[in-house]
PDB file of N, CA and C in Angstrom:
ATOM      1  N   MET A   1       0.821  -1.192   0.000  1.00  0.00           N
ATOM      2  CA  MET A   1       0.000   0.000   0.000  1.00  0.00           C
ATOM      3  C   MET A   1       0.865   1.256   0.000  1.00  0.00           C
ATOM      4  N   GLU A   2       1.941   1.248   0.749  1.00  0.00           N
ATOM      5  CA  GLU A   2       2.817   2.418   0.829  1.00  0.00           C
ATOM      6  C   GLU A   2       3.437   2.737  -0.527  1.00  0.00           C
ATOM      7  N   SER A   3       3.803   1.705  -1.309  1.00  0.00           N
ATOM      8  CA  SER A   3       4.423   1.953  -2.607  1.00  0.00           C
ATOM      9  C   SER A   3       3.456   2.647  -3.569  1.00  0.00           C
ATOM     10  N   ASN A   4       2.151   2.373  -3.465  1.00  0.00           N
ATOM     11  CA  ASN A   4       1.160   3.049  -4.307  1.00  0.00           C
ATOM     12  C   ASN A   4       1.072   4.535  -3.986  1.00  0.00           C
ATOM     13  N   ARG A   5       1.179   4.895  -2.738  1.00  0.00           N
ATOM     14  CA  ARG A   5       1.114   6.297  -2.336  1.00  0.00           C
ATOM     15  C   ARG A   5       2.307   7.080  -2.875  1.00  0.00           C
ATOM     16  N   GLN A   6       3.456   6.454  -2.933  1.00  0.00           N
ATOM     17  CA  GLN A   6       4.653   7.129  -3.418  1.00  0.00           C
ATOM     18  C   GLN A   6       4.565   7.416  -4.916  1.00  0.00           C
ATOM     19  N   LYS A   7       3.811   6.636  -5.671  1.00  0.00           N
ATOM     20  CA  LYS A   7       3.699   6.814  -7.108  1.00  0.00           C
ATOM     21  C   LYS A   7       2.688   7.895  -7.481  1.00  0.00           C
ATOM     22  N   GLN A   8       1.819   8.244  -6.577  1.00  0.00           N
ATOM     23  CA  GLN A   8       0.802   9.242  -6.876  1.00  0.00           C
ATOM     24  C   GLN A   8       1.438  10.635  -6.904  1.00  0.00           C
ATOM     25  N   PRO A   9       1.058  11.456  -7.891  1.00  0.00           N
ATOM     26  CA  PRO A   9       1.645  12.800  -7.962  1.00  0.00           C
ATOM     27  C   PRO A   9       1.070  13.720  -6.900  1.00  0.00           C
ATOM     28  N   ASN A  10       1.829  14.728  -6.547  1.00  0.00           N
ATOM     29  CA  ASN A  10       1.343  15.772  -5.654  1.00  0.00           C
ATOM     30  C   ASN A  10       0.656  16.822  -6.516  1.00  0.00           C
ATOM     31  N   LEU A  11      -0.586  17.122  -6.217  1.00  0.00           N
ATOM     32  CA  LEU A  11      -1.341  18.102  -6.989  1.00  0.00           C
ATOM     33  C   LEU A  11      -1.710  19.286  -6.117  1.00  0.00           C
ATOM     34  N   ILE A  12      -1.505  20.465  -6.663  1.00  0.00           N
ATOM     35  CA  ILE A  12      -1.948  21.692  -6.012  1.00  0.00           C
ATOM     36  C   ILE A  12      -2.790  22.438  -7.033  1.00  0.00           C
ATOM     37  N   PHE A  13      -4.023  22.685  -6.702  1.00  0.00           N
ATOM     38  CA  PHE A  13      -4.911  23.412  -7.598  1.00  0.00           C
ATOM     39  C   PHE A  13      -5.121  24.793  -6.998  1.00  0.00           C
ATOM     40  N   LEU A  14      -4.600  25.800  -7.660  1.00  0.00           N
ATOM     41  CA  LEU A  14      -4.738  27.175  -7.185  1.00  0.00           C
ATOM     42  C   LEU A  14      -5.823  27.871  -7.991  1.00  0.00           C
ATOM     43  N   MET A  15      -6.704  28.535  -7.294  1.00  0.00           N
ATOM     44  CA  MET A  15      -7.760  29.281  -7.965  1.00  0.00           C
ATOM     45  C   MET A  15      -7.823  30.671  -7.346  1.00  0.00           C
ATOM     46  N   THR A  16      -7.709  31.671  -8.190  1.00  0.00           N
ATOM     47  CA  THR A  16      -7.801  33.041  -7.720  1.00  0.00           C
ATOM     48  C   THR A  16      -9.063  33.675  -8.285  1.00  0.00           C
ATOM     49  N   ASP A  17      -9.435  34.781  -7.708  1.00  0.00           N
ATOM     50  CA  ASP A  17     -10.642  35.467  -8.141  1.00  0.00           C
ATOM     51  C   ASP A  17     -10.251  36.772  -8.834  1.00  0.00           C
ATOM     52  N   GLN A  18     -10.714  36.957 -10.032  1.00  0.00           N
ATOM     53  CA  GLN A  18     -10.499  38.182 -10.802  1.00  0.00           C
ATOM     54  C   GLN A  18      -9.018  38.473 -11.031  1.00  0.00           C
ATOM     55  N   GLN A  19      -8.280  37.463 -11.420  1.00  0.00           N
ATOM     56  CA  GLN A  19      -6.866  37.648 -11.729  1.00  0.00           C
ATOM     57  C   GLN A  19      -6.653  37.390 -13.212  1.00  0.00           C
ATOM     58  N   ARG A  20      -6.190  38.416 -13.903  1.00  0.00           N
ATOM     59  CA  ARG A  20      -5.916  38.267 -15.326  1.00  0.00           C
ATOM     60  C   ARG A  20      -4.656  37.450 -15.541  1.00  0.00           C
ATOM     61  N   TRP A  21      -4.503  36.933 -16.744  1.00  0.00           N
ATOM     62  CA  TRP A  21      -3.345  36.105 -17.079  1.00  0.00           C
ATOM     63  C   TRP A  21      -2.034  36.875 -16.932  1.00  0.00           C
ATOM     64  N   ASP A  22      -2.076  38.186 -17.190  1.00  0.00           N
ATOM     65  CA  ASP A  22      -0.848  38.961 -17.147  1.00  0.00           C
ATOM     66  C   ASP A  22      -0.549  39.554 -15.769  1.00  0.00           C
ATOM     67  N   ALA A  23      -1.240  39.079 -14.747  1.00  0.00           N
ATOM     68  CA  ALA A  23      -0.989  39.527 -13.377  1.00  0.00           C
ATOM     69  C   ALA A  23      -0.041  38.577 -12.650  1.00  0.00           C
ATOM     70  N   ILE A  24       0.773  37.872 -13.415  1.00  0.00           N
ATOM     71  CA  ILE A  24       1.777  36.953 -12.879  1.00  0.00           C
ATOM     72  C   ILE A  24       3.115  37.353 -13.478  1.00  0.00           C
ATOM     73  N   GLY A  25       4.132  37.379 -12.663  1.00  0.00           N
ATOM     74  CA  GLY A  25       5.443  37.819 -13.101  1.00  0.00           C
ATOM     75  C   GLY A  25       6.005  37.054 -14.282  1.00  0.00           C
ATOM     76  N   ARG A  26       5.655  35.814 -14.413  1.00  0.00           N
ATOM     77  CA  ARG A  26       6.147  35.012 -15.535  1.00  0.00           C
ATOM     78  C   ARG A  26       5.742  35.619 -16.884  1.00  0.00           C
ATOM     79  N   TYR A  27       4.610  36.303 -16.919  1.00  0.00           N
ATOM     80  CA  TYR A  27       4.091  36.861 -18.167  1.00  0.00           C
ATOM     81  C   TYR A  27       4.175  38.387 -18.233  1.00  0.00           C
ATOM     82  N   ASN A  28       4.547  39.020 -17.128  1.00  0.00           N
ATOM     83  CA  ASN A  28       4.581  40.475 -17.089  1.00  0.00           C
ATOM     84  C   ASN A  28       5.761  40.907 -16.220  1.00  0.00           C
ATOM     85  N   GLU A  29       6.742  41.518 -16.833  1.00  0.00           N
ATOM     86  CA  GLU A  29       7.962  41.886 -16.106  1.00  0.00           C
ATOM     87  C   GLU A  29       7.739  42.948 -15.043  1.00  0.00           C
ATOM     88  N   HIS A  30       6.613  43.634 -15.058  1.00  0.00           N
ATOM     89  CA  HIS A  30       6.313  44.676 -14.073  1.00  0.00           C
ATOM     90  C   HIS A  30       5.657  44.124 -12.804  1.00  0.00           C
ATOM     91  N   ILE A  31       5.332  42.846 -12.807  1.00  0.00           N
ATOM     92  CA  ILE A  31       4.665  42.197 -11.669  1.00  0.00           C
ATOM     93  C   ILE A  31       5.664  41.260 -11.003  1.00  0.00           C
ATOM     94  N   ARG A  32       5.656  41.231  -9.687  1.00  0.00           N
ATOM     95  CA  ARG A  32       6.553  40.330  -8.941  1.00  0.00           C
ATOM     96  C   ARG A  32       5.726  39.306  -8.168  1.00  0.00           C
ATOM     97  N   THR A  33       5.792  38.085  -8.632  1.00  0.00           N
ATOM     98  CA  THR A  33       5.113  36.966  -7.957  1.00  0.00           C
ATOM     99  C   THR A  33       6.079  35.774  -7.931  1.00  0.00           C
ATOM    100  N   PRO A  34       7.143  35.847  -7.134  1.00  0.00           N
ATOM    101  CA  PRO A  34       8.176  34.807  -7.180  1.00  0.00           C
ATOM    102  C   PRO A  34       7.677  33.408  -6.841  1.00  0.00           C
ATOM    103  N   SER A  35       6.768  33.289  -5.913  1.00  0.00           N
ATOM    104  CA  SER A  35       6.281  31.952  -5.542  1.00  0.00           C
ATOM    105  C   SER A  35       5.434  31.347  -6.656  1.00  0.00           C
ATOM    106  N   LEU A  36       4.539  32.142  -7.229  1.00  0.00           N
ATOM    107  CA  LEU A  36       3.728  31.645  -8.345  1.00  0.00           C
ATOM    108  C   LEU A  36       4.608  31.335  -9.556  1.00  0.00           C
ATOM    109  N   ASP A  37       5.603  32.168  -9.798  1.00  0.00           N
ATOM    110  CA  ASP A  37       6.509  31.929 -10.921  1.00  0.00           C
ATOM    111  C   ASP A  37       7.267  30.622 -10.736  1.00  0.00           C
ATOM    112  N   ARG A  38       7.724  30.372  -9.533  1.00  0.00           N
ATOM    113  CA  ARG A  38       8.459  29.127  -9.259  1.00  0.00           C
ATOM    114  C   ARG A  38       7.543  27.913  -9.427  1.00  0.00           C
ATOM    115  N   LEU A  39       6.317  28.001  -8.931  1.00  0.00           N
ATOM    116  CA  LEU A  39       5.364  26.905  -9.117  1.00  0.00           C
ATOM    117  C   LEU A  39       5.104  26.659 -10.602  1.00  0.00           C
ATOM    118  N   ALA A  40       4.957  27.732 -11.364  1.00  0.00           N
ATOM    119  CA  ALA A  40       4.727  27.594 -12.804  1.00  0.00           C
ATOM    120  C   ALA A  40       5.938  26.970 -13.497  1.00  0.00           C
ATOM    121  N   ASP A  41       7.128  27.370 -13.092  1.00  0.00           N
ATOM    122  CA  ASP A  41       8.343  26.838 -13.707  1.00  0.00           C
ATOM    123  C   ASP A  41       8.548  25.357 -13.395  1.00  0.00           C
ATOM    124  N   GLU A  42       8.132  24.928 -12.224  1.00  0.00           N
ATOM    125  CA  GLU A  42       8.363  23.548 -11.802  1.00  0.00           C
ATOM    126  C   GLU A  42       7.174  22.630 -12.070  1.00  0.00           C
ATOM    127  N   GLY A  43       6.054  23.191 -12.476  1.00  0.00           N
ATOM    128  CA  GLY A  43       4.856  22.381 -12.677  1.00  0.00           C
ATOM    129  C   GLY A  43       4.326  22.469 -14.093  1.00  0.00           C
ATOM    130  N   ILE A  44       3.024  22.376 -14.200  1.00  0.00           N
ATOM    131  CA  ILE A  44       2.345  22.435 -15.485  1.00  0.00           C
ATOM    132  C   ILE A  44       1.571  23.736 -15.556  1.00  0.00           C
ATOM    133  N   VAL A  45       1.678  24.408 -16.682  1.00  0.00           N
ATOM    134  CA  VAL A  45       0.957  25.653 -16.902  1.00  0.00           C
ATOM    135  C   VAL A  45       0.025  25.445 -18.089  1.00  0.00           C
ATOM    136  N   PHE A  46      -1.223  25.802 -17.918  1.00  0.00           N
ATOM    137  CA  PHE A  46      -2.183  25.704 -19.007  1.00  0.00           C
ATOM    138  C   PHE A  46      -2.182  27.023 -19.770  1.00  0.00           C
ATOM    139  N   SER A  47      -1.888  26.975 -21.055  1.00  0.00           N
ATOM    140  CA  SER A  47      -1.838  28.198 -21.845  1.00  0.00           C
ATOM    141  C   SER A  47      -3.219  28.598 -22.362  1.00  0.00           C
ATOM    142  N   GLN A  48      -4.165  27.686 -22.314  1.00  0.00           N
ATOM    143  CA  GLN A  48      -5.532  27.987 -22.713  1.00  0.00           C
ATOM    144  C   GLN A  48      -6.474  27.335 -21.712  1.00  0.00           C
ATOM    145  N   ALA A  49      -7.524  28.045 -21.374  1.00  0.00           N
ATOM    146  CA  ALA A  49      -8.486  27.490 -20.428  1.00  0.00           C
ATOM    147  C   ALA A  49      -9.877  28.019 -20.757  1.00  0.00           C
ATOM    148  N   VAL A  50     -10.867  27.271 -20.376  1.00  0.00           N
ATOM    149  CA  VAL A  50     -12.257  27.651 -20.594  1.00  0.00           C
ATOM    150  C   VAL A  50     -12.998  27.430 -19.285  1.00  0.00           C
ATOM    151  N   CYS A  51     -13.885  28.315 -18.950  1.00  0.00           N
ATOM    152  CA  CYS A  51     -14.703  28.095 -17.756  1.00  0.00           C
ATOM    153  C   CYS A  51     -16.166  27.951 -18.183  1.00  0.00           C
ATOM    154  N   GLN A  52     -16.934  27.352 -17.335  1.00  0.00           N
ATOM    155  CA  GLN A  52     -18.329  27.075 -17.651  1.00  0.00           C
ATOM    156  C   GLN A  52     -19.233  28.283 -17.454  1.00  0.00           C
ATOM    157  N   SER A  53     -18.741  29.263 -16.734  1.00  0.00           N
ATOM    158  CA  SER A  53     -19.556  30.445 -16.461  1.00  0.00           C
ATOM    159  C   SER A  53     -18.634  31.643 -16.258  1.00  0.00           C
ATOM    160  N   PRO A  54     -19.043  32.826 -16.698  1.00  0.00           N
ATOM    161  CA  PRO A  54     -18.217  34.009 -16.468  1.00  0.00           C
ATOM    162  C   PRO A  54     -18.307  34.531 -15.040  1.00  0.00           C
ATOM    163  N   MET A  55     -19.185  33.946 -14.238  1.00  0.00           N
ATOM    164  CA  MET A  55     -19.318  34.362 -12.842  1.00  0.00           C
ATOM    165  C   MET A  55     -18.625  33.367 -11.928  1.00  0.00           C
ATOM    166  N   CYS A  56     -18.118  33.865 -10.809  1.00  0.00           N
ATOM    167  CA  CYS A  56     -17.278  33.074  -9.906  1.00  0.00           C
ATOM    168  C   CYS A  56     -17.984  31.869  -9.294  1.00  0.00           C
ATOM    169  N   VAL A  57     -19.103  32.098  -8.646  1.00  0.00           N
ATOM    170  CA  VAL A  57     -19.758  31.022  -7.893  1.00  0.00           C
ATOM    171  C   VAL A  57     -20.202  29.872  -8.803  1.00  0.00           C
ATOM    172  N   PRO A  58     -20.895  30.144  -9.904  1.00  0.00           N
ATOM    173  CA  PRO A  58     -21.265  29.025 -10.778  1.00  0.00           C
ATOM    174  C   PRO A  58     -20.039  28.298 -11.352  1.00  0.00           C
ATOM    175  N   SER A  59     -19.000  29.043 -11.693  1.00  0.00           N
ATOM    176  CA  SER A  59     -17.804  28.439 -12.260  1.00  0.00           C
ATOM    177  C   SER A  59     -17.098  27.538 -11.248  1.00  0.00           C
ATOM    178  N   ARG A  60     -16.945  28.013 -10.015  1.00  0.00           N
ATOM    179  CA  ARG A  60     -16.290  27.194  -8.971  1.00  0.00           C
ATOM    180  C   ARG A  60     -17.097  25.935  -8.668  1.00  0.00           C
ATOM    181  N   ASN A  61     -18.404  26.066  -8.562  1.00  0.00           N
ATOM    182  CA  ASN A  61     -19.232  24.893  -8.294  1.00  0.00           C
ATOM    183  C   ASN A  61     -19.161  23.897  -9.439  1.00  0.00           C
ATOM    184  N   SER A  62     -19.110  24.390 -10.647  1.00  0.00           N
ATOM    185  CA  SER A  62     -18.996  23.523 -11.806  1.00  0.00           C
ATOM    186  C   SER A  62     -17.702  22.712 -11.752  1.00  0.00           C
ATOM    187  N   MET A  63     -16.603  23.354 -11.383  1.00  0.00           N
ATOM    188  CA  MET A  63     -15.330  22.636 -11.263  1.00  0.00           C
ATOM    189  C   MET A  63     -15.352  21.628 -10.120  1.00  0.00           C
ATOM    190  N   MET A  64     -15.949  22.007  -9.001  1.00  0.00           N
ATOM    191  CA  MET A  64     -15.955  21.120  -7.836  1.00  0.00           C
ATOM    192  C   MET A  64     -16.794  19.861  -8.071  1.00  0.00           C
ATOM    193  N   PHE A  65     -17.925  20.005  -8.759  1.00  0.00           N
ATOM    194  CA  PHE A  65     -18.850  18.889  -8.893  1.00  0.00           C
ATOM    195  C   PHE A  65     -18.836  18.232 -10.268  1.00  0.00           C
ATOM    196  N   GLY A  66     -18.148  18.833 -11.237  1.00  0.00           N
ATOM    197  CA  GLY A  66     -18.047  18.233 -12.558  1.00  0.00           C
ATOM    198  C   GLY A  66     -19.331  18.302 -13.353  1.00  0.00           C
ATOM    199  N   LEU A  67     -20.174  19.255 -13.043  1.00  0.00           N
ATOM    200  CA  LEU A  67     -21.441  19.435 -13.750  1.00  0.00           C
ATOM    201  C   LEU A  67     -21.535  20.867 -14.262  1.00  0.00           C
ATOM    202  N   TYR A  68     -22.388  21.074 -15.249  1.00  0.00           N
ATOM    203  CA  TYR A  68     -22.623  22.429 -15.738  1.00  0.00           C
ATOM    204  C   TYR A  68     -23.395  23.226 -14.692  1.00  0.00           C
ATOM    205  N   PRO A  69     -23.204  24.546 -14.647  1.00  0.00           N
ATOM    206  CA  PRO A  69     -23.976  25.359 -13.710  1.00  0.00           C
ATOM    207  C   PRO A  69     -25.484  25.164 -13.856  1.00  0.00           C
ATOM    208  N   SER A  70     -25.948  24.983 -15.084  1.00  0.00           N
ATOM    209  CA  SER A  70     -27.386  24.760 -15.283  1.00  0.00           C
ATOM    210  C   SER A  70     -27.853  23.448 -14.655  1.00  0.00           C
ATOM    211  N   GLN A  71     -26.996  22.441 -14.632  1.00  0.00           N
ATOM    212  CA  GLN A  71     -27.345  21.172 -13.990  1.00  0.00           C
ATOM    213  C   GLN A  71     -27.384  21.317 -12.473  1.00  0.00           C
ATOM    214  N   LEU A  72     -26.556  22.212 -11.951  1.00  0.00           N
ATOM    215  CA  LEU A  72     -26.505  22.432 -10.506  1.00  0.00           C
ATOM    216  C   LEU A  72     -27.561  23.428 -10.041  1.00  0.00           C
ATOM    217  N   GLY A  73     -28.136  24.177 -10.977  1.00  0.00           N
ATOM    218  CA  GLY A  73     -29.106  25.188 -10.615  1.00  0.00           C
ATOM    219  C   GLY A  73     -28.463  26.442 -10.045  1.00  0.00           C
ATOM    220  N   ILE A  74     -27.182  26.609 -10.300  1.00  0.00           N
ATOM    221  CA  ILE A  74     -26.452  27.781  -9.802  1.00  0.00           C
ATOM    222  C   ILE A  74     -26.051  28.615 -10.998  1.00  0.00           C
ATOM    223  N   ARG A  75     -26.713  29.745 -11.183  1.00  0.00           N
ATOM    224  CA  ARG A  75     -26.457  30.558 -12.370  1.00  0.00           C
ATOM    225  C   ARG A  75     -25.959  31.969 -12.050  1.00  0.00           C
ATOM    226  N   THR A  76     -25.953  32.335 -10.778  1.00  0.00           N
ATOM    227  CA  THR A  76     -25.523  33.674 -10.376  1.00  0.00           C
ATOM    228  C   THR A  76     -24.601  33.578  -9.177  1.00  0.00           C
ATOM    229  N   ASN A  77     -24.050  34.703  -8.758  1.00  0.00           N
ATOM    230  CA  ASN A  77     -23.205  34.757  -7.560  1.00  0.00           C
ATOM    231  C   ASN A  77     -24.008  34.934  -6.287  1.00  0.00           C
ATOM    232  N   LYS A  78     -25.300  35.125  -6.409  1.00  0.00           N
ATOM    233  CA  LYS A  78     -26.139  35.307  -5.218  1.00  0.00           C
ATOM    234  C   LYS A  78     -26.460  33.964  -4.598  1.00  0.00           C
ATOM    235  N   ALA A  79     -26.551  33.953  -3.278  1.00  0.00           N
ATOM    236  CA  ALA A  79     -26.836  32.702  -2.553  1.00  0.00           C
ATOM    237  C   ALA A  79     -28.288  32.308  -2.648  1.00  0.00           C
TER     238      ALA A  79
END
């Protein structure tokens, strides 16, 4: 059982709110984000991404549950 755990990758999923792609030092020399830059350099960076909703709450719920916002009944940021 222990050998299986060692083979599994370490995953860190970072999600920020209202952060543009160019608000990271790796893509903009005027921004300093050394920790994010190091994570990007040592990990995987997605150069293209799509979200299920332009609003935060429906989009986050969609990612967490693997369903479309319409399937979850969450279409706005209001509770």
